[in-house]
N, C-alpha and C. Protein backbone atom coordinates (compact mmCIF):
# COMPACT_ATOMS: atom_id res chain seq x y z
N MET A 1 8.04 4.40 52.73
CA MET A 1 9.30 3.93 52.13
C MET A 1 9.74 4.88 51.03
N LYS A 2 10.96 5.35 51.13
CA LYS A 2 11.46 6.29 50.14
C LYS A 2 11.87 5.58 48.87
N ARG A 3 11.52 6.19 47.74
CA ARG A 3 11.87 5.62 46.44
C ARG A 3 13.31 6.03 46.10
N ARG A 4 14.11 5.07 45.75
CA ARG A 4 15.51 5.34 45.42
C ARG A 4 15.59 6.00 44.04
N VAL A 5 16.40 7.04 43.99
CA VAL A 5 16.62 7.74 42.72
C VAL A 5 17.93 7.24 42.13
N THR A 6 17.83 6.61 40.99
CA THR A 6 19.01 6.07 40.32
C THR A 6 19.20 6.75 38.98
N ALA A 7 20.42 6.62 38.45
CA ALA A 7 20.73 7.22 37.14
C ALA A 7 19.85 6.62 36.05
N GLY A 8 19.62 5.28 36.16
CA GLY A 8 18.77 4.61 35.17
C GLY A 8 17.34 5.11 35.23
N GLY A 9 16.85 5.36 36.46
CA GLY A 9 15.49 5.87 36.62
C GLY A 9 15.33 7.27 36.07
N ILE A 10 16.35 8.11 36.27
CA ILE A 10 16.32 9.48 35.74
C ILE A 10 16.28 9.46 34.22
N VAL A 11 17.13 8.63 33.63
CA VAL A 11 17.17 8.53 32.16
C VAL A 11 15.84 8.02 31.62
N LYS A 12 15.25 7.03 32.32
CA LYS A 12 13.97 6.48 31.90
C LYS A 12 12.88 7.55 31.92
N HIS A 13 12.84 8.32 33.03
CA HIS A 13 11.83 9.37 33.14
C HIS A 13 12.06 10.49 32.13
N PHE A 14 13.34 10.73 31.81
CA PHE A 14 13.66 11.76 30.81
C PHE A 14 13.06 11.39 29.46
N PHE A 15 13.30 10.15 29.04
CA PHE A 15 12.79 9.72 27.74
C PHE A 15 11.27 9.60 27.75
N GLN A 16 10.72 9.26 28.92
CA GLN A 16 9.26 9.19 29.02
C GLN A 16 8.65 10.59 28.86
N GLY A 17 9.29 11.58 29.49
CA GLY A 17 8.84 12.96 29.33
C GLY A 17 9.02 13.45 27.91
N LEU A 18 10.11 12.99 27.29
CA LEU A 18 10.38 13.37 25.90
C LEU A 18 9.29 12.82 24.97
N LEU A 19 8.86 11.59 25.23
CA LEU A 19 7.81 10.98 24.41
C LEU A 19 6.49 11.73 24.53
N VAL A 20 6.26 12.32 25.72
CA VAL A 20 5.03 13.07 25.92
C VAL A 20 5.12 14.45 25.29
N LEU A 21 6.25 15.13 25.50
CA LEU A 21 6.38 16.53 25.09
C LEU A 21 6.73 16.71 23.61
N ALA A 22 7.53 15.80 23.05
CA ALA A 22 8.02 15.98 21.67
C ALA A 22 6.88 16.10 20.65
N PRO A 23 5.90 15.17 20.62
CA PRO A 23 4.82 15.31 19.63
C PRO A 23 4.02 16.60 19.82
N ILE A 24 3.76 16.96 21.09
CA ILE A 24 3.00 18.19 21.36
C ILE A 24 3.78 19.41 20.89
N THR A 25 5.08 19.46 21.23
CA THR A 25 5.92 20.60 20.86
C THR A 25 6.06 20.75 19.36
N ILE A 26 6.30 19.64 18.67
CA ILE A 26 6.48 19.68 17.22
C ILE A 26 5.18 20.11 16.54
N THR A 27 4.04 19.59 17.03
CA THR A 27 2.74 19.97 16.47
C THR A 27 2.47 21.45 16.65
N LEU A 28 2.70 21.95 17.86
CA LEU A 28 2.48 23.37 18.14
C LEU A 28 3.41 24.25 17.31
N PHE A 29 4.68 23.80 17.17
CA PHE A 29 5.63 24.57 16.37
C PHE A 29 5.20 24.62 14.91
N ALA A 30 4.73 23.47 14.39
CA ALA A 30 4.27 23.43 13.00
C ALA A 30 3.08 24.35 12.79
N LEU A 31 2.13 24.34 13.74
CA LEU A 31 0.97 25.22 13.64
C LEU A 31 1.38 26.69 13.73
N TYR A 32 2.35 26.98 14.61
CA TYR A 32 2.84 28.36 14.76
C TYR A 32 3.53 28.83 13.48
N TRP A 33 4.33 27.92 12.88
CA TRP A 33 5.02 28.26 11.63
C TRP A 33 4.03 28.52 10.50
N ILE A 34 3.00 27.67 10.39
CA ILE A 34 1.98 27.86 9.36
C ILE A 34 1.24 29.18 9.58
N PHE A 35 0.89 29.44 10.84
CA PHE A 35 0.18 30.68 11.19
C PHE A 35 1.01 31.90 10.81
N ASN A 36 2.30 31.90 11.19
CA ASN A 36 3.18 33.04 10.89
C ASN A 36 3.38 33.21 9.39
N THR A 37 3.56 32.10 8.70
CA THR A 37 3.79 32.16 7.25
C THR A 37 2.60 32.79 6.55
N ILE A 38 1.39 32.33 6.88
CA ILE A 38 0.18 32.88 6.26
C ILE A 38 -0.04 34.33 6.71
N ASP A 39 0.22 34.60 7.99
CA ASP A 39 0.03 35.95 8.53
C ASP A 39 0.92 36.97 7.82
N ASN A 40 2.14 36.54 7.45
CA ASN A 40 3.10 37.45 6.81
C ASN A 40 2.88 37.59 5.31
N LEU A 41 1.94 36.80 4.74
CA LEU A 41 1.66 36.94 3.32
C LEU A 41 0.98 38.27 3.01
N PHE A 42 0.21 38.77 3.97
CA PHE A 42 -0.49 40.04 3.76
C PHE A 42 0.46 41.19 4.10
N PRO A 43 0.71 42.10 3.16
CA PRO A 43 1.64 43.22 3.40
C PRO A 43 1.19 44.10 4.57
N LYS A 44 2.04 44.23 5.57
CA LYS A 44 1.70 45.04 6.75
C LYS A 44 1.58 46.52 6.42
N GLU A 45 2.22 46.94 5.30
CA GLU A 45 2.19 48.35 4.93
C GLU A 45 0.78 48.82 4.55
N LEU A 46 -0.09 47.87 4.19
CA LEU A 46 -1.45 48.24 3.78
C LEU A 46 -2.35 48.55 4.98
N VAL A 47 -1.87 48.23 6.17
CA VAL A 47 -2.66 48.48 7.39
C VAL A 47 -1.97 49.54 8.23
N PRO A 48 -2.71 50.58 8.66
CA PRO A 48 -2.12 51.61 9.52
C PRO A 48 -1.50 50.99 10.78
N ALA A 49 -0.40 51.58 11.25
CA ALA A 49 0.33 51.02 12.39
C ALA A 49 -0.57 50.83 13.60
N ALA A 50 -1.52 51.74 13.79
CA ALA A 50 -2.40 51.68 14.97
C ALA A 50 -3.34 50.47 14.92
N TYR A 51 -3.56 49.90 13.73
CA TYR A 51 -4.50 48.80 13.58
C TYR A 51 -3.81 47.46 13.28
N ARG A 52 -2.49 47.45 13.36
CA ARG A 52 -1.76 46.21 13.09
C ARG A 52 -1.85 45.29 14.30
N ILE A 53 -2.57 44.18 14.11
CA ILE A 53 -2.77 43.20 15.17
C ILE A 53 -2.22 41.86 14.69
N LYS A 54 -1.53 41.17 15.58
CA LYS A 54 -1.01 39.85 15.24
C LYS A 54 -2.16 38.92 14.89
N GLY A 55 -2.08 38.32 13.74
CA GLY A 55 -3.13 37.41 13.29
C GLY A 55 -4.09 38.03 12.31
N LEU A 56 -4.03 39.39 12.17
CA LEU A 56 -4.93 40.06 11.23
C LEU A 56 -4.64 39.63 9.80
N GLY A 57 -3.35 39.52 9.47
CA GLY A 57 -2.97 39.07 8.13
C GLY A 57 -3.45 37.66 7.86
N PHE A 58 -3.39 36.80 8.88
CA PHE A 58 -3.85 35.42 8.75
C PHE A 58 -5.34 35.38 8.40
N VAL A 59 -6.13 36.17 9.14
CA VAL A 59 -7.57 36.22 8.92
C VAL A 59 -7.88 36.76 7.52
N ILE A 60 -7.17 37.82 7.10
CA ILE A 60 -7.41 38.42 5.79
C ILE A 60 -7.08 37.45 4.66
N VAL A 61 -5.95 36.74 4.79
CA VAL A 61 -5.54 35.79 3.76
C VAL A 61 -6.56 34.65 3.65
N ILE A 62 -7.01 34.11 4.80
CA ILE A 62 -7.99 33.02 4.79
C ILE A 62 -9.30 33.49 4.16
N LEU A 63 -9.74 34.69 4.53
CA LEU A 63 -10.98 35.24 3.95
C LEU A 63 -10.83 35.47 2.45
N PHE A 64 -9.63 35.91 2.03
CA PHE A 64 -9.37 36.13 0.61
C PHE A 64 -9.44 34.81 -0.17
N ILE A 65 -8.87 33.75 0.41
CA ILE A 65 -8.91 32.43 -0.24
C ILE A 65 -10.36 31.95 -0.37
N ILE A 66 -11.14 32.12 0.71
CA ILE A 66 -12.55 31.72 0.67
C ILE A 66 -13.31 32.53 -0.39
N LEU A 67 -13.00 33.83 -0.48
CA LEU A 67 -13.65 34.69 -1.47
C LEU A 67 -13.33 34.24 -2.88
N ILE A 68 -12.06 33.91 -3.14
CA ILE A 68 -11.67 33.43 -4.47
C ILE A 68 -12.39 32.13 -4.80
N GLY A 69 -12.49 31.24 -3.81
CA GLY A 69 -13.21 29.98 -4.02
C GLY A 69 -14.67 30.21 -4.34
N TYR A 70 -15.26 31.18 -3.65
CA TYR A 70 -16.67 31.51 -3.90
C TYR A 70 -16.87 32.11 -5.29
N LEU A 71 -15.99 33.06 -5.65
CA LEU A 71 -16.11 33.72 -6.95
C LEU A 71 -15.87 32.76 -8.10
N SER A 72 -14.94 31.82 -7.91
CA SER A 72 -14.62 30.88 -8.98
C SER A 72 -15.78 29.93 -9.27
N SER A 73 -16.71 29.80 -8.30
CA SER A 73 -17.86 28.93 -8.52
C SER A 73 -19.00 29.63 -9.25
N SER A 74 -18.91 30.96 -9.38
CA SER A 74 -19.95 31.69 -10.12
C SER A 74 -19.67 31.58 -11.62
N PHE A 75 -20.69 31.77 -12.43
CA PHE A 75 -20.58 31.52 -13.87
C PHE A 75 -19.64 32.51 -14.55
N ILE A 76 -19.85 33.81 -14.36
CA ILE A 76 -19.07 34.83 -15.07
C ILE A 76 -17.62 34.85 -14.60
N ILE A 77 -17.42 34.98 -13.28
CA ILE A 77 -16.06 35.02 -12.74
C ILE A 77 -15.35 33.70 -13.00
N GLY A 78 -16.10 32.60 -12.93
CA GLY A 78 -15.51 31.29 -13.20
C GLY A 78 -14.95 31.19 -14.60
N ARG A 79 -15.64 31.81 -15.59
CA ARG A 79 -15.15 31.80 -16.96
C ARG A 79 -13.84 32.59 -17.08
N ILE A 80 -13.75 33.69 -16.31
CA ILE A 80 -12.51 34.50 -16.33
C ILE A 80 -11.35 33.68 -15.76
N PHE A 81 -11.61 32.96 -14.67
CA PHE A 81 -10.57 32.11 -14.08
C PHE A 81 -10.17 31.00 -15.05
N ASP A 82 -11.15 30.43 -15.76
CA ASP A 82 -10.86 29.38 -16.73
C ASP A 82 -10.00 29.92 -17.88
N LEU A 83 -10.29 31.16 -18.30
CA LEU A 83 -9.50 31.78 -19.36
C LEU A 83 -8.07 31.99 -18.92
N PHE A 84 -7.90 32.47 -17.69
CA PHE A 84 -6.56 32.67 -17.14
C PHE A 84 -5.84 31.33 -16.97
N ASP A 85 -6.60 30.32 -16.60
CA ASP A 85 -6.05 28.97 -16.42
C ASP A 85 -5.51 28.43 -17.74
N ARG A 86 -6.31 28.57 -18.80
CA ARG A 86 -5.88 28.10 -20.13
C ARG A 86 -4.68 28.88 -20.64
N LEU A 87 -4.62 30.19 -20.31
CA LEU A 87 -3.49 31.02 -20.72
C LEU A 87 -2.20 30.51 -20.09
N LEU A 88 -2.24 30.19 -18.80
CA LEU A 88 -1.05 29.68 -18.11
C LEU A 88 -0.65 28.30 -18.62
N GLU A 89 -1.67 27.49 -18.98
CA GLU A 89 -1.38 26.15 -19.48
C GLU A 89 -0.74 26.15 -20.87
N LYS A 90 -0.90 27.27 -21.61
CA LYS A 90 -0.34 27.35 -22.95
C LYS A 90 0.93 28.19 -23.02
N THR A 91 1.30 28.83 -21.90
CA THR A 91 2.51 29.66 -21.89
C THR A 91 3.74 28.78 -21.78
N PRO A 92 4.69 28.91 -22.72
CA PRO A 92 5.90 28.07 -22.67
C PRO A 92 6.62 28.18 -21.33
N PHE A 93 7.19 27.10 -20.89
CA PHE A 93 7.94 26.95 -19.65
C PHE A 93 7.04 27.07 -18.42
N ILE A 94 6.25 28.15 -18.33
CA ILE A 94 5.38 28.35 -17.18
C ILE A 94 4.37 27.21 -17.06
N ARG A 95 3.91 26.70 -18.22
CA ARG A 95 2.87 25.67 -18.19
C ARG A 95 3.34 24.40 -17.49
N TYR A 96 4.65 24.07 -17.57
CA TYR A 96 5.16 22.87 -16.93
C TYR A 96 5.09 22.99 -15.41
N ILE A 97 5.44 24.16 -14.90
CA ILE A 97 5.38 24.40 -13.46
C ILE A 97 3.92 24.47 -13.01
N TYR A 98 3.13 25.25 -13.74
CA TYR A 98 1.73 25.48 -13.34
C TYR A 98 0.92 24.19 -13.36
N THR A 99 1.00 23.44 -14.45
CA THR A 99 0.20 22.21 -14.56
C THR A 99 0.64 21.16 -13.54
N SER A 100 1.94 21.10 -13.25
CA SER A 100 2.43 20.13 -12.27
C SER A 100 1.88 20.44 -10.88
N VAL A 101 1.97 21.71 -10.49
CA VAL A 101 1.47 22.13 -9.17
C VAL A 101 -0.05 21.98 -9.10
N LYS A 102 -0.72 22.36 -10.18
CA LYS A 102 -2.19 22.28 -10.21
C LYS A 102 -2.66 20.83 -10.10
N ASP A 103 -2.03 19.93 -10.85
CA ASP A 103 -2.42 18.52 -10.82
C ASP A 103 -2.15 17.91 -9.45
N LEU A 104 -1.04 18.33 -8.80
CA LEU A 104 -0.72 17.80 -7.48
C LEU A 104 -1.78 18.21 -6.47
N PHE A 105 -2.14 19.50 -6.45
CA PHE A 105 -3.16 19.97 -5.51
C PHE A 105 -4.51 19.36 -5.82
N ASP A 106 -4.80 19.19 -7.11
CA ASP A 106 -6.08 18.60 -7.51
C ASP A 106 -6.15 17.14 -7.06
N ALA A 107 -4.99 16.45 -7.10
CA ALA A 107 -4.95 15.05 -6.70
C ALA A 107 -5.10 14.89 -5.20
N VAL A 108 -4.61 15.87 -4.43
CA VAL A 108 -4.62 15.76 -2.96
C VAL A 108 -5.91 16.30 -2.35
N VAL A 109 -6.33 17.52 -2.76
CA VAL A 109 -7.48 18.15 -2.11
C VAL A 109 -8.60 18.55 -3.07
N GLY A 110 -8.40 18.34 -4.35
CA GLY A 110 -9.41 18.76 -5.32
C GLY A 110 -10.51 17.74 -5.50
N GLU A 111 -11.39 18.02 -6.46
CA GLU A 111 -12.50 17.12 -6.73
C GLU A 111 -12.04 15.84 -7.41
N LYS A 112 -10.87 15.89 -8.05
CA LYS A 112 -10.33 14.71 -8.74
C LYS A 112 -9.25 14.04 -7.89
N ARG A 113 -9.55 13.80 -6.63
CA ARG A 113 -8.56 13.21 -5.73
C ARG A 113 -8.07 11.88 -6.26
N LYS A 114 -6.76 11.70 -6.20
CA LYS A 114 -6.15 10.48 -6.69
C LYS A 114 -5.73 9.55 -5.56
N PHE A 115 -5.40 10.10 -4.40
CA PHE A 115 -4.91 9.27 -3.31
C PHE A 115 -6.05 8.80 -2.41
N ASP A 116 -7.09 8.26 -3.01
CA ASP A 116 -8.23 7.78 -2.22
C ASP A 116 -8.56 6.32 -2.53
N HIS A 117 -7.63 5.60 -3.18
CA HIS A 117 -7.83 4.19 -3.46
C HIS A 117 -6.61 3.40 -2.95
N PRO A 118 -6.54 3.15 -1.64
CA PRO A 118 -5.39 2.42 -1.09
C PRO A 118 -5.39 0.96 -1.52
N VAL A 119 -4.19 0.44 -1.79
CA VAL A 119 -4.05 -0.96 -2.20
C VAL A 119 -2.76 -1.53 -1.62
N LEU A 120 -2.69 -2.85 -1.62
CA LEU A 120 -1.42 -3.54 -1.39
C LEU A 120 -0.86 -3.87 -2.76
N VAL A 121 0.41 -3.59 -2.98
CA VAL A 121 1.01 -3.83 -4.28
C VAL A 121 2.30 -4.64 -4.11
N SER A 122 2.44 -5.68 -4.91
CA SER A 122 3.63 -6.51 -4.90
C SER A 122 4.52 -6.10 -6.07
N ILE A 123 5.71 -5.58 -5.74
CA ILE A 123 6.59 -5.05 -6.77
C ILE A 123 7.87 -5.87 -6.92
N TYR A 124 8.54 -6.11 -5.81
CA TYR A 124 9.86 -6.73 -5.87
C TYR A 124 9.84 -8.25 -5.76
N ALA A 125 8.87 -8.79 -5.05
CA ALA A 125 8.78 -10.25 -4.89
C ALA A 125 7.33 -10.63 -4.62
N PRO A 126 6.95 -11.86 -4.96
CA PRO A 126 5.54 -12.28 -4.80
C PRO A 126 5.03 -12.17 -3.37
N ASP A 127 5.91 -12.39 -2.38
CA ASP A 127 5.47 -12.39 -0.99
C ASP A 127 5.82 -11.09 -0.26
N VAL A 128 6.22 -10.07 -0.99
CA VAL A 128 6.54 -8.77 -0.39
C VAL A 128 5.53 -7.75 -0.88
N TRP A 129 4.85 -7.09 0.06
CA TRP A 129 3.79 -6.15 -0.29
C TRP A 129 4.06 -4.76 0.27
N GLU A 130 3.68 -3.76 -0.48
CA GLU A 130 3.79 -2.37 -0.04
C GLU A 130 2.42 -1.70 -0.14
N ILE A 131 2.24 -0.67 0.67
CA ILE A 131 0.99 0.09 0.61
C ILE A 131 1.14 1.20 -0.43
N GLY A 132 0.19 1.27 -1.33
CA GLY A 132 0.22 2.30 -2.37
C GLY A 132 -1.17 2.83 -2.65
N PHE A 133 -1.25 3.69 -3.64
CA PHE A 133 -2.52 4.31 -4.02
C PHE A 133 -2.63 4.30 -5.53
N ILE A 134 -3.74 3.79 -6.04
CA ILE A 134 -3.96 3.77 -7.48
C ILE A 134 -4.20 5.19 -7.97
N THR A 135 -3.38 5.64 -8.91
CA THR A 135 -3.55 6.98 -9.47
C THR A 135 -4.14 6.93 -10.88
N GLN A 136 -3.94 5.80 -11.57
CA GLN A 136 -4.58 5.58 -12.87
C GLN A 136 -5.05 4.13 -12.93
N PRO A 137 -6.35 3.88 -13.13
CA PRO A 137 -6.87 2.51 -13.11
C PRO A 137 -6.42 1.66 -14.28
N ASP A 138 -5.99 2.25 -15.37
CA ASP A 138 -5.39 1.50 -16.48
C ASP A 138 -4.53 2.44 -17.30
N MET A 139 -3.61 1.87 -18.06
CA MET A 139 -2.66 2.67 -18.83
C MET A 139 -2.89 2.47 -20.32
N HIS A 140 -4.16 2.52 -20.73
CA HIS A 140 -4.49 2.33 -22.14
C HIS A 140 -3.89 3.42 -23.02
N MET A 141 -3.61 4.60 -22.43
CA MET A 141 -3.06 5.70 -23.21
C MET A 141 -1.67 5.41 -23.77
N ILE A 142 -0.98 4.43 -23.16
CA ILE A 142 0.33 4.03 -23.69
C ILE A 142 0.30 2.58 -24.18
N GLY A 143 -0.92 2.09 -24.44
CA GLY A 143 -1.07 0.75 -25.00
C GLY A 143 -0.89 -0.37 -23.99
N MET A 144 -1.11 -0.09 -22.68
CA MET A 144 -0.96 -1.12 -21.64
C MET A 144 -2.21 -1.14 -20.77
N PRO A 145 -3.34 -1.59 -21.31
CA PRO A 145 -4.62 -1.55 -20.58
C PRO A 145 -4.65 -2.42 -19.33
N ASP A 146 -3.79 -3.44 -19.26
CA ASP A 146 -3.78 -4.34 -18.10
C ASP A 146 -2.89 -3.84 -16.97
N MET A 147 -2.22 -2.71 -17.18
CA MET A 147 -1.34 -2.16 -16.16
C MET A 147 -2.03 -1.00 -15.45
N VAL A 148 -1.70 -0.83 -14.18
CA VAL A 148 -2.25 0.29 -13.40
C VAL A 148 -1.08 1.10 -12.84
N ALA A 149 -1.31 2.39 -12.63
CA ALA A 149 -0.30 3.26 -12.03
C ALA A 149 -0.54 3.31 -10.53
N VAL A 150 0.48 2.97 -9.76
CA VAL A 150 0.38 2.95 -8.30
C VAL A 150 1.46 3.83 -7.71
N TYR A 151 1.03 4.76 -6.86
CA TYR A 151 1.98 5.62 -6.15
C TYR A 151 2.26 5.01 -4.79
N VAL A 152 3.55 4.80 -4.47
CA VAL A 152 3.95 4.20 -3.20
C VAL A 152 4.70 5.25 -2.38
N PRO A 153 4.11 5.75 -1.28
CA PRO A 153 4.80 6.75 -0.45
C PRO A 153 5.95 6.13 0.33
N GLN A 154 6.96 6.94 0.62
CA GLN A 154 8.11 6.48 1.40
C GLN A 154 7.91 6.83 2.87
N SER A 155 8.43 5.98 3.74
CA SER A 155 8.28 6.20 5.18
C SER A 155 9.14 7.38 5.63
N TYR A 156 8.57 8.18 6.52
CA TYR A 156 9.24 9.35 7.10
C TYR A 156 9.81 10.28 6.03
N ALA A 157 9.04 10.49 4.97
CA ALA A 157 9.47 11.38 3.89
C ALA A 157 8.23 11.85 3.14
N VAL A 158 8.39 12.96 2.42
CA VAL A 158 7.29 13.46 1.60
C VAL A 158 7.40 12.93 0.18
N ALA A 159 8.44 12.14 -0.07
CA ALA A 159 8.66 11.61 -1.42
C ALA A 159 7.96 10.26 -1.58
N GLY A 160 8.01 9.76 -2.79
CA GLY A 160 7.42 8.47 -3.09
C GLY A 160 7.79 8.07 -4.51
N LYS A 161 7.36 6.90 -4.94
CA LYS A 161 7.64 6.42 -6.29
C LYS A 161 6.35 5.96 -6.95
N MET A 162 6.33 6.10 -8.26
CA MET A 162 5.18 5.65 -9.04
C MET A 162 5.61 4.43 -9.84
N TYR A 163 4.80 3.37 -9.77
CA TYR A 163 5.10 2.13 -10.48
C TYR A 163 3.95 1.79 -11.41
N LEU A 164 4.30 1.16 -12.53
CA LEU A 164 3.30 0.57 -13.41
C LEU A 164 3.36 -0.94 -13.18
N VAL A 165 2.28 -1.48 -12.66
CA VAL A 165 2.24 -2.90 -12.33
C VAL A 165 1.00 -3.54 -12.94
N HIS A 166 1.07 -4.84 -13.13
CA HIS A 166 -0.09 -5.55 -13.65
C HIS A 166 -1.17 -5.59 -12.57
N ARG A 167 -2.41 -5.49 -12.98
CA ARG A 167 -3.51 -5.39 -12.02
C ARG A 167 -3.63 -6.63 -11.14
N THR A 168 -3.05 -7.77 -11.57
CA THR A 168 -3.09 -8.98 -10.74
C THR A 168 -2.15 -8.88 -9.54
N ARG A 169 -1.30 -7.86 -9.53
CA ARG A 169 -0.32 -7.73 -8.44
C ARG A 169 -0.74 -6.67 -7.42
N ILE A 170 -2.03 -6.34 -7.42
CA ILE A 170 -2.54 -5.41 -6.41
C ILE A 170 -3.72 -6.03 -5.69
N LYS A 171 -3.88 -5.65 -4.42
CA LYS A 171 -5.02 -6.07 -3.61
C LYS A 171 -5.67 -4.83 -3.01
N PRO A 172 -6.93 -4.56 -3.29
CA PRO A 172 -7.59 -3.37 -2.74
C PRO A 172 -7.65 -3.43 -1.21
N LEU A 173 -7.47 -2.28 -0.57
CA LEU A 173 -7.61 -2.16 0.88
C LEU A 173 -8.91 -1.42 1.17
N SER A 174 -10.02 -2.01 0.77
CA SER A 174 -11.31 -1.34 0.89
C SER A 174 -11.78 -1.21 2.34
N GLN A 175 -11.19 -2.02 3.25
CA GLN A 175 -11.59 -1.95 4.67
C GLN A 175 -10.80 -0.89 5.43
N VAL A 176 -9.88 -0.19 4.72
CA VAL A 176 -9.04 0.84 5.34
C VAL A 176 -9.25 2.15 4.60
N SER A 177 -9.38 3.24 5.34
CA SER A 177 -9.53 4.56 4.69
C SER A 177 -8.20 5.00 4.10
N ALA A 178 -8.26 5.90 3.14
CA ALA A 178 -7.04 6.40 2.50
C ALA A 178 -6.14 7.09 3.51
N GLY A 179 -6.73 7.85 4.44
CA GLY A 179 -5.94 8.55 5.45
C GLY A 179 -5.20 7.59 6.36
N GLU A 180 -5.87 6.51 6.78
CA GLU A 180 -5.24 5.51 7.65
C GLU A 180 -4.11 4.79 6.92
N ALA A 181 -4.33 4.47 5.64
CA ALA A 181 -3.29 3.79 4.85
C ALA A 181 -2.08 4.68 4.66
N MET A 182 -2.30 5.96 4.37
CA MET A 182 -1.18 6.89 4.19
C MET A 182 -0.41 7.06 5.50
N LYS A 183 -1.12 7.19 6.60
CA LYS A 183 -0.48 7.37 7.91
C LYS A 183 0.38 6.14 8.25
N PHE A 184 -0.14 4.96 7.96
CA PHE A 184 0.59 3.72 8.24
C PHE A 184 1.86 3.63 7.40
N ALA A 185 1.74 3.99 6.11
CA ALA A 185 2.90 3.90 5.21
C ALA A 185 3.96 4.91 5.56
N VAL A 186 3.57 6.17 5.81
CA VAL A 186 4.53 7.23 6.09
C VAL A 186 5.21 7.01 7.44
N SER A 187 4.50 6.42 8.40
CA SER A 187 5.09 6.19 9.73
C SER A 187 5.98 4.95 9.77
N GLY A 188 6.11 4.27 8.65
CA GLY A 188 6.94 3.07 8.62
C GLY A 188 6.28 1.89 9.31
N GLY A 189 4.96 1.93 9.45
CA GLY A 189 4.24 0.84 10.09
C GLY A 189 4.17 0.95 11.59
N VAL A 190 4.70 2.05 12.14
CA VAL A 190 4.67 2.23 13.60
C VAL A 190 3.25 2.49 14.08
N VAL A 191 2.50 3.30 13.31
CA VAL A 191 1.11 3.62 13.66
C VAL A 191 0.20 2.53 13.12
N SER A 192 -0.67 2.03 13.97
CA SER A 192 -1.58 0.97 13.54
C SER A 192 -2.70 1.54 12.68
N MET A 193 -3.24 0.70 11.80
CA MET A 193 -4.34 1.13 10.94
C MET A 193 -5.68 0.78 11.58
N ALA A 194 -6.59 1.74 11.54
CA ALA A 194 -7.95 1.50 12.04
C ALA A 194 -8.76 0.87 10.92
N ILE A 195 -9.33 -0.28 11.19
CA ILE A 195 -10.11 -1.00 10.20
C ILE A 195 -11.56 -0.54 10.24
N ASN A 196 -12.11 -0.27 9.06
CA ASN A 196 -13.51 0.11 8.96
C ASN A 196 -14.36 -1.16 9.02
N GLU A 197 -14.97 -1.42 10.20
CA GLU A 197 -15.72 -2.65 10.40
C GLU A 197 -16.94 -2.74 9.49
N GLN A 198 -17.52 -1.60 9.15
CA GLN A 198 -18.70 -1.60 8.28
C GLN A 198 -18.34 -2.11 6.89
N ASN A 199 -17.16 -1.70 6.37
CA ASN A 199 -16.71 -2.19 5.08
C ASN A 199 -16.41 -3.68 5.12
N GLN A 200 -15.84 -4.12 6.26
CA GLN A 200 -15.55 -5.55 6.40
C GLN A 200 -16.83 -6.38 6.36
N GLU A 201 -17.86 -5.93 7.07
CA GLU A 201 -19.14 -6.66 7.07
C GLU A 201 -19.77 -6.70 5.70
N THR A 202 -19.61 -5.56 4.95
CA THR A 202 -20.16 -5.51 3.58
C THR A 202 -19.46 -6.53 2.68
N GLN A 203 -18.11 -6.61 2.84
CA GLN A 203 -17.35 -7.56 2.03
C GLN A 203 -17.75 -8.99 2.34
N LYS A 204 -17.94 -9.31 3.64
CA LYS A 204 -18.32 -10.66 4.03
C LYS A 204 -19.70 -11.02 3.47
N ALA A 205 -20.61 -10.04 3.50
CA ALA A 205 -21.96 -10.27 2.99
C ALA A 205 -21.94 -10.55 1.49
N GLN A 206 -21.05 -9.79 0.78
CA GLN A 206 -20.95 -9.98 -0.67
C GLN A 206 -20.32 -11.33 -1.02
N ALA A 207 -19.39 -11.76 -0.14
CA ALA A 207 -18.73 -13.05 -0.38
C ALA A 207 -19.69 -14.21 -0.13
């Protein structure tokens, strides 16, 4: 029996193919863009034309970053980096840019990660909750020890808002990893959150 080809069926298959190809294409494009951007950071003029290979700059830049990370962990070189760090932090105007960028990277990938405590936070109404991340456990520095700083990411955006709320208006999401909570919030709730069953069992045992 021959399958009838209809306009509705063609449109359906088109969008089905789009759902399959779009995430793959966008991911590959993003990886290609990152690769090219890093690859072009290394000046091609420093390499003889006969030895210029696509991706060589990428490898050199990555190795350079690893080398800097290794050197910064040594005692002598680390002190030099600390001296340069303090110099930038005290330079007028530059210090505002430098410290802001440094604190952001430190909060995301550094040892002082801030976005690793997901919570539910009630801001606008008692029965309305948003997913956020505690960035400061108390605000005693401004005389508000019962308040906590919570960063709430926006869906489908890299932006977000920081709120100062009373600690009674937050609920820890200890059964959910920070990555899962961030993915859920940024996707607008489209992506489901994976629950850490081990954390759930620990909570039940403690209760």
